[in-house]
Amino acid sequence: MNTALLSTRSGVLADWAVRCGLALAGWGLQRATRRTDRDRLLRRLDARAAAESALAERDRRYRSTTYGLM
């Protein structure tokens, strides 16, 4: 017979292990959903493209004022 089955703390440990396993599984499912969400991916790509174009525009304006003053 296994002594772990007779221990009073084994129930607590088993409960903790099950809860952690379920939480980890839930996290994995949420992560998988986020990674495959097409709309979210498209929004991120659009935001990145907008940020890159804004940075290029800022750089263009900065260079035109800096070189114009020399």
Protein backbone atom coordinates (compact mmCIF):
# COMPACT_ATOMS: atom_id res chain seq x y z
CA MET A 1 0.00 0.00 0.00
CA ASN A 2 1.22 3.48 -0.80
CA THR A 3 1.71 5.72 2.21
CA ALA A 4 0.80 8.81 0.17
CA LEU A 5 -2.80 7.64 0.12
CA LEU A 6 -2.87 7.60 3.90
CA SER A 7 -1.37 11.05 4.36
CA THR A 8 -3.74 13.85 5.31
CA ARG A 9 -1.75 16.29 3.17
CA SER A 10 -2.01 14.20 -0.01
CA GLY A 11 -5.52 15.50 -0.64
CA VAL A 12 -4.32 19.06 -0.42
CA LEU A 13 -1.43 18.35 -2.74
CA ALA A 14 -3.67 16.56 -5.23
CA ASP A 15 -6.16 19.44 -5.14
CA TRP A 16 -3.36 21.93 -5.74
CA ALA A 17 -1.98 19.86 -8.64
CA VAL A 18 -5.39 19.58 -10.30
CA ARG A 19 -6.09 23.30 -9.91
CA CYS A 20 -2.69 24.24 -11.33
CA GLY A 21 -3.13 21.82 -14.20
CA LEU A 22 -6.53 23.26 -15.06
CA ALA A 23 -5.24 26.80 -14.84
CA LEU A 24 -2.30 25.93 -17.09
CA ALA A 25 -4.60 24.26 -19.60
CA GLY A 26 -6.87 27.30 -19.62
CA TRP A 27 -3.90 29.57 -20.19
CA GLY A 28 -2.76 27.39 -23.08
CA LEU A 29 -6.19 27.50 -24.70
CA GLN A 30 -6.35 31.29 -24.36
CA ARG A 31 -2.89 31.63 -25.85
CA ALA A 32 -3.77 29.38 -28.77
CA THR A 33 -6.90 31.43 -29.39
CA ARG A 34 -4.94 34.68 -29.34
CA ARG A 35 -2.32 33.33 -31.72
CA THR A 36 -4.91 32.22 -34.27
CA ASP A 37 -7.27 35.20 -34.04
CA ARG A 38 -7.25 36.53 -37.60
CA ASP A 39 -8.92 39.86 -36.80
CA ARG A 40 -6.46 40.57 -34.01
CA LEU A 41 -3.55 39.72 -36.27
CA LEU A 42 -4.84 42.05 -39.00
CA ARG A 43 -5.30 44.89 -36.50
CA ARG A 44 -1.74 44.41 -35.28
CA LEU A 45 -0.42 44.47 -38.85
CA ASP A 46 -2.40 47.64 -39.63
CA ALA A 47 -1.15 49.31 -36.45
CA ARG A 48 2.43 48.38 -37.27
CA ALA A 49 2.10 49.74 -40.82
CA ALA A 50 0.60 52.99 -39.48
CA ALA A 51 3.42 53.35 -36.95
CA GLU A 52 6.05 52.74 -39.61
CA SER A 53 4.53 55.31 -41.97
CA ALA A 54 4.24 57.85 -39.14
CA LEU A 55 7.88 57.27 -38.24
CA ALA A 56 8.93 57.69 -41.87
CA GLU A 57 6.91 60.90 -42.13
CA ARG A 58 8.46 62.25 -38.92
CA ASP A 59 11.91 61.35 -40.17
CA ARG A 60 11.25 63.02 -43.52
CA ARG A 61 10.08 66.23 -41.82
CA TYR A 62 13.01 66.23 -39.41
CA ARG A 63 15.52 65.78 -42.19
CA SER A 64 13.95 68.52 -44.31
CA THR A 65 14.11 71.06 -41.46
CA THR A 66 17.60 70.02 -40.34
CA TYR A 67 19.15 70.12 -43.77
CA GLY A 68 17.30 73.30 -44.68
CA LEU A 69 18.94 75.17 -41.78
CA MET A 70 22.50 74.33 -42.78
